Protein backbone atom coordinates (compact mmCIF):
# COMPACT_ATOMS: atom_id res chain seq x y z
CA MET A 1 85.43 16.06 126.58
CA ASN A 2 86.21 18.62 123.62
CA HIS A 3 89.57 20.77 125.38
CA GLY A 4 89.51 22.89 123.16
CA ASP A 5 89.96 23.73 119.04
CA PRO A 6 94.44 22.93 118.81
CA MET A 7 94.07 25.45 115.96
CA SER A 8 93.05 28.34 118.51
CA LEU A 9 95.81 27.86 120.49
CA PRO A 10 99.00 30.07 120.51
CA LYS A 11 101.56 29.56 118.02
CA PRO A 12 104.52 27.68 119.33
CA ASP A 13 107.60 28.86 120.36
CA PRO A 14 110.07 27.44 117.68
CA ALA A 15 112.98 27.82 120.21
CA ASP A 16 110.89 26.10 123.04
CA ILE A 17 108.74 23.93 120.81
CA ALA A 18 107.64 21.62 124.27
CA GLY A 19 106.98 24.12 126.31
CA LEU A 20 109.78 23.78 128.84
CA ASP A 21 109.16 27.44 129.96
CA SER A 22 105.76 26.55 131.43
CA LEU A 23 107.72 23.54 133.95
CA LEU A 24 109.76 26.74 135.79
CA THR A 25 108.83 29.25 138.31
CA ALA A 26 107.97 33.07 137.97
CA GLU A 27 111.62 32.94 140.08
CA GLN A 28 113.39 30.37 138.36
CA LYS A 29 112.65 32.48 135.27
CA ALA A 30 113.60 35.75 136.80
CA ILE A 31 116.90 34.05 138.10
CA ARG A 32 117.21 32.90 134.42
CA ALA A 33 117.07 36.18 133.06
CA SER A 34 118.99 37.59 135.75
CA VAL A 35 122.10 35.96 134.80
CA ARG A 36 121.33 36.19 130.93
CA GLN A 37 121.19 39.55 131.10
CA LEU A 38 124.64 40.15 133.20
CA LEU A 39 126.42 37.66 130.64
CA ASP A 40 124.55 39.44 127.44
CA ARG A 41 126.01 42.91 128.36
CA SER A 42 129.58 41.56 130.58
CA ALA A 43 130.68 38.64 128.73
CA GLU A 44 128.98 37.76 125.30
CA PRO A 45 130.62 40.81 122.90
CA TYR A 46 133.84 39.61 124.45
CA ILE A 47 133.92 35.80 124.65
CA ALA A 48 135.09 34.93 121.27
CA GLU A 49 138.30 37.19 121.53
CA TRP A 50 138.38 35.65 124.97
CA PHE A 51 138.63 32.15 123.63
CA GLU A 52 140.86 33.39 120.85
CA ASN A 53 143.39 34.78 123.08
CA GLY A 54 143.35 31.88 125.52
CA SER A 55 142.18 34.61 128.88
CA ILE A 56 140.00 36.99 130.38
CA PRO A 57 140.99 40.23 131.12
CA GLY A 58 139.71 41.25 134.28
CA ILE A 59 138.29 38.33 135.57
CA ARG A 60 138.62 39.06 139.02
CA GLU A 61 135.91 42.18 137.79
CA LEU A 62 134.02 39.39 135.88
CA VAL A 63 133.76 37.56 139.14
CA LYS A 64 132.70 40.01 141.40
CA GLU A 65 129.62 40.92 138.81
CA LEU A 66 128.78 37.09 139.41
CA CYS A 67 128.59 37.64 142.68
CA SER A 68 126.39 40.21 142.35
CA LEU A 69 123.69 38.06 141.28
CA GLY A 70 124.63 35.13 143.74
CA VAL A 71 126.07 32.50 141.75
CA LEU A 72 129.11 31.46 143.85
CA GLY A 73 128.15 28.62 146.00
CA MET A 74 124.44 29.57 145.53
CA HIS A 75 123.31 26.43 146.74
CA LEU A 76 124.68 26.57 150.22
CA GLU A 77 123.23 27.81 153.11
CA GLY A 78 124.55 30.25 155.02
CA TYR A 79 128.41 31.91 155.33
CA GLY A 80 127.21 34.72 153.38
CA CYS A 81 125.54 32.31 150.37
CA ALA A 82 122.60 32.57 149.03
CA GLY A 83 121.28 29.48 150.08
CA MET A 84 119.19 28.92 146.88
CA SER A 85 117.76 25.30 145.47
CA ALA A 86 119.66 23.16 143.63
CA THR A 87 117.25 23.05 140.76
CA ASP A 88 118.03 27.40 140.48
CA TYR A 89 121.57 26.36 140.56
CA GLY A 90 120.95 24.24 137.83
CA ILE A 91 119.04 26.98 135.57
CA ALA A 92 122.45 29.54 136.40
CA CYS A 93 124.59 26.50 135.25
CA LEU A 94 122.97 26.20 132.10
CA GLU A 95 122.54 29.96 131.32
CA ILE A 96 126.36 30.49 132.01
CA GLU A 97 127.31 27.61 129.90
CA ALA A 98 124.93 28.68 126.94
CA THR A 99 127.79 31.81 127.07
CA ASP A 100 130.80 29.44 127.84
CA SER A 101 131.86 26.45 129.42
CA GLY A 102 134.60 28.19 130.69
CA LEU A 103 132.32 30.57 133.13
CA ARG A 104 130.87 27.49 133.81
CA SER A 105 133.72 25.90 134.83
CA LEU A 106 134.73 28.92 136.87
CA VAL A 107 131.53 29.26 138.65
CA SER A 108 131.42 25.11 139.23
CA VAL A 109 135.12 24.77 140.58
CA GLN A 110 134.45 27.95 142.91
CA GLY A 111 131.21 26.98 144.38
CA SER A 112 130.64 22.93 143.64
CA LEU A 113 134.06 21.93 144.48
CA ALA A 114 136.44 24.30 146.61
CA MET A 115 133.55 26.46 148.80
CA PHE A 116 131.60 22.90 148.82
CA ALA A 117 134.32 20.95 149.76
CA ILE A 118 135.20 23.85 152.88
CA TRP A 119 131.26 23.96 153.61
CA ARG A 120 130.36 20.04 153.90
CA TRP A 121 134.11 18.73 155.25
CA GLY A 122 135.77 22.41 157.10
CA SER A 123 136.16 23.13 160.73
CA GLU A 124 133.95 25.89 161.83
CA GLU A 125 137.13 28.04 161.79
CA GLN A 126 137.79 27.40 158.23
CA LYS A 127 134.32 28.04 156.65
CA GLN A 128 134.86 32.06 158.81
CA GLU A 129 138.02 32.33 157.01
CA TRP A 130 136.79 31.55 153.19
CA LEU A 131 133.41 30.78 152.52
CA PRO A 132 131.72 34.83 153.45
CA ARG A 133 134.97 35.94 150.91
CA MET A 134 134.69 33.28 148.72
CA ALA A 135 130.94 33.92 147.84
CA ALA A 136 131.19 37.98 148.14
CA GLY A 137 134.41 37.16 145.13
CA ASP A 138 137.32 38.27 147.00
CA ALA A 139 138.76 35.42 147.39
CA ILE A 140 139.16 32.31 144.41
CA GLY A 141 139.19 28.68 145.16
CA CYS A 142 140.38 25.82 143.02
CA PHE A 143 140.48 22.08 143.54
CA GLY A 144 143.24 19.85 143.56
CA LEU A 145 142.61 16.22 143.23
CA THR A 146 143.45 15.23 139.45
CA GLU A 147 147.57 14.33 138.75
CA PRO A 148 149.68 14.46 136.01
CA ASP A 149 149.45 10.43 136.05
CA VAL A 150 145.96 9.89 138.14
CA GLY A 151 143.33 10.86 136.69
CA SER A 152 139.84 8.24 136.76
CA ASP A 153 141.07 6.56 139.66
CA PRO A 154 141.79 9.01 142.80
CA ALA A 155 142.90 6.23 145.15
CA GLY A 156 146.38 6.05 143.22
CA VAL A 157 146.61 10.06 144.80
CA ARG A 158 150.45 10.15 144.76
CA THR A 159 151.14 13.98 146.64
CA ARG A 160 151.80 12.98 150.26
CA ALA A 161 151.13 14.78 153.76
CA ARG A 162 152.94 13.70 156.29
CA LYS A 163 153.05 15.11 159.93
CA VAL A 164 155.86 16.73 161.21
CA GLY A 165 155.63 17.97 164.94
CA THR A 166 152.31 19.30 165.13
CA ASP A 167 152.22 20.61 160.94
CA TRP A 168 152.29 19.01 158.09
CA VAL A 169 154.12 19.19 155.39
CA LEU A 170 152.87 18.59 151.52
CA ASN A 171 154.60 17.15 148.13
CA GLY A 172 153.18 16.55 145.04
CA ARG A 173 152.39 17.85 141.93
CA LYS A 174 148.16 18.40 140.67
CA MET A 175 147.01 18.45 137.14
CA TRP A 176 144.57 20.23 135.00
CA ILE A 177 143.15 22.32 137.77
CA SER A 178 140.99 25.13 136.88
CA ASN A 179 140.88 28.51 138.47
CA ALA A 180 144.74 27.59 139.80
CA PRO A 181 146.52 30.50 138.31
CA TYR A 182 144.63 33.15 140.17
CA ALA A 183 143.26 31.41 142.77
CA ASP A 184 143.74 32.48 146.48
CA VAL A 185 142.79 29.34 147.98
CA ALA A 186 143.38 25.87 146.95
CA VAL A 187 141.73 22.51 148.37
CA VAL A 188 144.33 19.46 147.58
CA TRP A 189 143.74 16.18 148.29
CA ALA A 190 146.49 14.05 149.50
CA MET A 191 147.40 10.51 151.26
CA THR A 192 149.04 10.45 154.80
CA ASP A 193 151.61 7.98 155.89
CA GLU A 194 149.05 5.80 157.16
CA ASP A 195 147.37 5.76 153.62
CA GLU A 196 144.92 8.03 154.54
CA MET A 197 143.05 10.68 151.71
CA ARG A 198 142.98 13.74 153.97
CA GLY A 199 142.11 17.68 152.51
CA PHE A 200 143.63 20.57 153.11
CA VAL A 201 142.68 24.24 152.66
CA VAL A 202 146.23 25.95 151.11
CA PRO A 203 146.42 29.62 150.93
CA THR A 204 148.30 30.11 147.65
CA ASP A 205 150.67 32.33 148.89
CA THR A 206 152.09 29.71 151.43
CA PRO A 207 156.55 29.07 150.46
CA GLY A 208 156.63 25.99 148.63
CA PHE A 209 153.27 26.72 146.64
CA SER A 210 153.07 27.42 142.63
CA ALA A 211 150.48 27.23 140.41
CA PRO A 212 151.91 27.90 136.81
CA GLU A 213 149.48 27.75 133.87
CA ILE A 214 148.86 25.60 131.03
CA HIS A 215 148.87 26.99 127.63
CA HIS A 216 147.90 25.46 124.26
CA LYS A 217 144.46 24.32 125.19
CA MET A 218 142.40 23.92 122.02
CA SER A 219 139.45 23.74 124.89
CA LEU A 220 137.92 25.74 127.81
CA ARG A 221 140.08 28.53 126.67
CA ALA A 222 138.26 30.70 128.68
CA SER A 223 139.34 29.82 131.37
CA ALA A 224 142.55 29.68 133.01
CA THR A 225 143.92 26.29 133.85
CA GLY A 226 147.18 25.24 135.37
CA GLU A 227 149.06 22.47 137.11
CA LEU A 228 149.76 23.35 141.49
CA VAL A 229 153.38 22.19 142.30
CA LEU A 230 153.70 21.67 146.31
CA ASP A 231 157.17 21.85 147.24
CA ASP A 232 157.69 21.38 150.92
CA VAL A 233 154.50 23.05 151.75
CA ARG A 234 154.04 23.59 155.58
CA LEU A 235 151.02 24.13 156.94
CA PRO A 236 149.39 24.01 160.74
CA GLU A 237 146.98 21.30 161.86
CA SER A 238 144.03 24.22 161.55
CA ALA A 239 144.67 23.34 157.99
CA VAL A 240 143.35 19.94 157.48
CA PHE A 241 140.18 19.20 156.82
CA PRO A 242 139.40 17.59 160.85
CA GLU A 243 136.86 14.50 160.19
CA VAL A 244 136.86 13.16 156.53
CA ARG A 245 139.25 10.64 155.30
CA GLY A 246 139.67 8.58 152.28
CA LEU A 247 137.53 9.11 149.02
CA LYS A 248 134.19 10.18 150.72
CA GLY A 249 135.56 13.26 150.97
CA PRO A 250 136.68 14.08 147.39
CA LEU A 251 134.06 12.11 145.52
CA SER A 252 131.14 13.21 147.62
CA CYS A 253 132.96 17.31 146.04
CA LEU A 254 133.12 15.69 142.21
CA ASN A 255 129.09 15.03 142.45
CA GLU A 256 128.34 18.24 143.36
CA ALA A 257 130.12 19.73 140.41
CA ARG A 258 128.84 16.84 137.85
CA TYR A 259 125.29 17.91 138.95
CA GLY A 260 125.97 21.43 137.73
CA ILE A 261 127.36 20.34 134.41
CA VAL A 262 124.52 18.04 133.85
CA TRP A 263 122.61 21.12 133.72
CA GLY A 264 125.66 23.36 132.09
CA ALA A 265 125.91 21.44 129.10
CA LEU A 266 123.01 21.75 128.04
CA GLY A 267 123.47 25.86 127.56
CA ALA A 268 126.16 25.06 125.26
CA ALA A 269 123.88 22.76 123.28
CA ARG A 270 120.98 25.11 123.57
CA THR A 271 123.22 28.12 122.14
CA SER A 272 124.02 25.85 118.96
CA LEU A 273 120.86 24.65 117.89
CA GLU A 274 119.51 27.97 118.09
CA THR A 275 122.63 29.19 115.88
CA ALA A 276 121.91 26.67 113.35
CA ARG A 277 118.05 27.38 113.13
CA THR A 278 118.50 30.51 112.19
CA TYR A 279 121.23 30.19 110.19
CA ALA A 280 119.56 27.56 107.90
CA ILE A 281 116.30 29.98 107.73
CA GLY A 282 118.96 32.70 106.65
CA ARG A 283 120.83 30.66 104.44
CA SER A 284 120.11 29.94 100.94
CA GLN A 285 121.17 27.65 98.17
CA PHE A 286 119.86 26.10 95.00
CA GLY A 287 117.31 29.51 95.81
CA ARG A 288 115.97 28.22 98.81
CA PRO A 289 116.83 28.29 102.53
CA ILE A 290 118.70 25.61 104.02
CA ALA A 291 115.78 24.91 105.97
CA SER A 292 113.30 23.89 103.41
CA PHE A 293 115.46 21.02 103.11
CA GLN A 294 114.55 17.56 104.33
CA LEU A 295 117.84 16.54 105.58
CA THR A 296 118.21 19.37 107.33
CA GLN A 297 114.47 20.01 109.13
CA GLN A 298 115.41 16.20 110.12
CA LYS A 299 118.94 17.60 111.86
CA LEU A 300 117.32 20.28 113.13
CA ALA A 301 114.26 18.24 115.02
CA ASP A 302 116.57 15.40 116.32
CA MET A 303 118.58 17.60 118.03
CA SER A 304 115.62 19.39 119.30
CA LEU A 305 114.42 16.37 121.05
CA GLU A 306 117.80 15.38 122.80
CA TYR A 307 117.46 18.64 123.82
CA ILE A 308 114.37 18.63 125.15
CA LYS A 309 115.42 15.27 127.04
CA GLY A 310 118.45 16.39 128.53
CA TYR A 311 116.35 19.12 130.41
CA LEU A 312 113.39 16.97 131.76
CA LEU A 313 116.25 14.95 132.77
CA ALA A 314 118.06 17.67 134.02
CA LEU A 315 114.96 18.89 136.02
CA HIS A 316 113.97 15.64 137.29
CA LEU A 317 117.69 15.39 138.99
CA GLY A 318 116.99 19.14 140.05
CA GLN A 319 114.16 17.65 142.25
CA ARG A 320 115.54 14.71 143.39
CA LYS A 321 118.36 16.53 144.63
CA ASP A 322 116.26 19.28 146.48
CA THR A 323 114.31 16.70 148.29
CA GLY A 324 117.38 15.04 149.23
CA VAL A 325 117.10 11.87 147.71
CA LEU A 326 119.56 12.03 144.42
CA ARG A 327 121.99 9.02 143.98
CA PRO A 328 125.37 9.18 142.59
CA GLU A 329 124.18 7.22 140.22
CA GLN A 330 121.64 9.23 139.22
CA VAL A 331 124.20 11.84 138.38
CA SER A 332 125.92 9.90 136.37
CA ILE A 333 123.30 9.48 134.46
CA GLY A 334 122.60 13.44 133.85
CA LYS A 335 126.11 13.76 133.28
CA LEU A 336 126.44 10.53 130.99
CA ASN A 337 123.79 11.46 128.93
CA ASN A 338 123.60 15.30 128.21
CA VAL A 339 127.00 16.43 127.83
CA ARG A 340 127.53 13.30 125.45
CA GLU A 341 124.39 14.54 123.72
CA ALA A 342 125.27 18.13 123.65
CA LEU A 343 128.55 17.48 122.32
CA GLU A 344 126.46 15.60 119.37
CA ILE A 345 123.91 18.88 119.08
CA CYS A 346 127.00 21.07 118.71
CA ARG A 347 128.56 18.69 115.95
CA THR A 348 125.34 18.36 114.38
CA ALA A 349 125.13 22.15 114.06
CA ARG A 350 128.24 22.61 112.95
CA THR A 351 127.58 20.38 109.70
CA ILE A 352 124.35 23.14 109.19
CA LEU A 353 126.89 26.24 109.17
CA GLY A 354 128.95 24.51 106.51
CA GLY A 355 131.96 26.23 106.48
CA ASN A 356 131.25 28.63 108.86
CA GLY A 357 130.87 26.36 111.03
CA ILE A 358 134.70 26.40 111.96
CA SER A 359 134.47 30.34 111.92
CA LEU A 360 134.58 32.19 115.39
CA GLU A 361 132.34 34.49 114.23
CA TYR A 362 129.53 31.69 115.10
CA PRO A 363 129.72 30.29 118.75
CA VAL A 364 128.99 26.79 117.30
CA ILE A 365 132.95 25.63 117.20
CA ARG A 366 133.66 26.78 120.44
CA HIS A 367 131.14 25.46 121.87
CA MET A 368 131.94 22.20 120.41
CA ASN A 369 135.15 22.38 121.24
CA ASN A 370 134.75 22.86 125.08
CA LEU A 371 132.26 20.21 125.18
CA GLU A 372 135.18 17.62 124.47
CA SER A 373 137.01 18.67 127.78
CA VAL A 374 133.42 18.62 129.83
CA LEU A 375 133.01 15.36 128.21
CA THR A 376 136.21 14.03 129.97
CA TYR A 377 136.38 16.11 132.84
CA GLU A 378 134.45 15.20 136.07
CA GLY A 379 134.34 11.63 134.87
CA THR A 380 134.83 10.40 131.70
CA VAL A 381 132.42 8.48 129.56
CA GLU A 382 133.79 5.15 130.24
CA MET A 383 133.63 5.63 134.43
CA HIS A 384 129.71 7.01 133.89
CA THR A 385 129.16 4.07 131.97
CA LEU A 386 130.92 1.18 134.35
CA VAL A 387 128.75 3.29 137.41
CA LEU A 388 125.63 2.88 135.87
CA GLY A 389 126.65 -0.86 134.69
CA GLN A 390 127.65 -1.61 138.33
CA VAL A 391 124.31 -0.55 139.35
CA LEU A 392 122.46 -2.60 136.72
CA THR A 393 124.31 -5.93 136.79
CA GLY A 394 125.37 -5.52 140.56
CA HIS A 395 129.00 -6.25 139.65
CA SER A 396 131.85 -4.08 139.46
CA ALA A 397 134.02 -4.06 136.24
CA PHE A 398 136.10 -1.32 137.62
CA ARG A 399 139.04 -3.95 138.47
């Protein structure tokens, strides 16, 4: 059967040669456009300066603008949250990280770690107190699990929570905590005297709590990172998550955040790929555009293939999450593949830009540096590799 002359089809869009746009609904395209419009106005003109200076002036105003689109906790139901689909949330993460990974980290920590933890495991009192304020951007949250000597093995957490009368008293330190320096509430995971991990909702103005900022980062500089220091932080019984015990609590939250990363990393890749393509067309060497060189075209083709495959994987995982059948190891597939390939896309794009590739006048080196952190947090390459290895072989290689 003749389905038409290929020569009569519309010319392909160089930025979407696989026609990925046709896989999105009109509503999803509208979400994408709204997020992109906000970021183009409120972040893109300033993001390189924020990265260079290591801070975002007016961070709370930017958070409020994001709230106007409902992106904080947008995949959660009730309590002022938007209740959109997981795929919708992923599309928003991609657009946010297309501007900067630090901004997507802010949104992920707020919605998929701090808010999700309270939404999934909190008491009704905790939900009513915090979720509407967090969804509206009136309160910023952080998530305290990683410690100075405890990263990939959360079972080794040393922060302690002991019962004193009807209260809990927390002592310990958390490290590499995004949003910590300006957070209003922290979800903190600690071990009890019964060696059970419990989660606590900690207002950051509680006596004994402090969150000193970590400086001298070369990655995620447009994201505030800090420690959590808990020095005899006394909390009422109402501060503890009432039912969840053990690693089930924090790991469920990490899976939520990892899902957003599956999409978000593609945003950094897309920006770097499109920057390299545009640069190659406009840059001439030896009397011709470098886009006409075979090796440059190979790089662009390979980068495009990996982006397309990563996007299709993210969309597949989003559809599985929306139907309630997404498994943790499938999130590991997405996090492992998409961050690793996005980082390689950024590195390759940097080579196309040559010396200009290390300048903050172009976004590529910033995205590349940011993804070095994204590669590590929410599960390293090694951890996700072993998760998949265990599923494939039936044997655990973690110990």
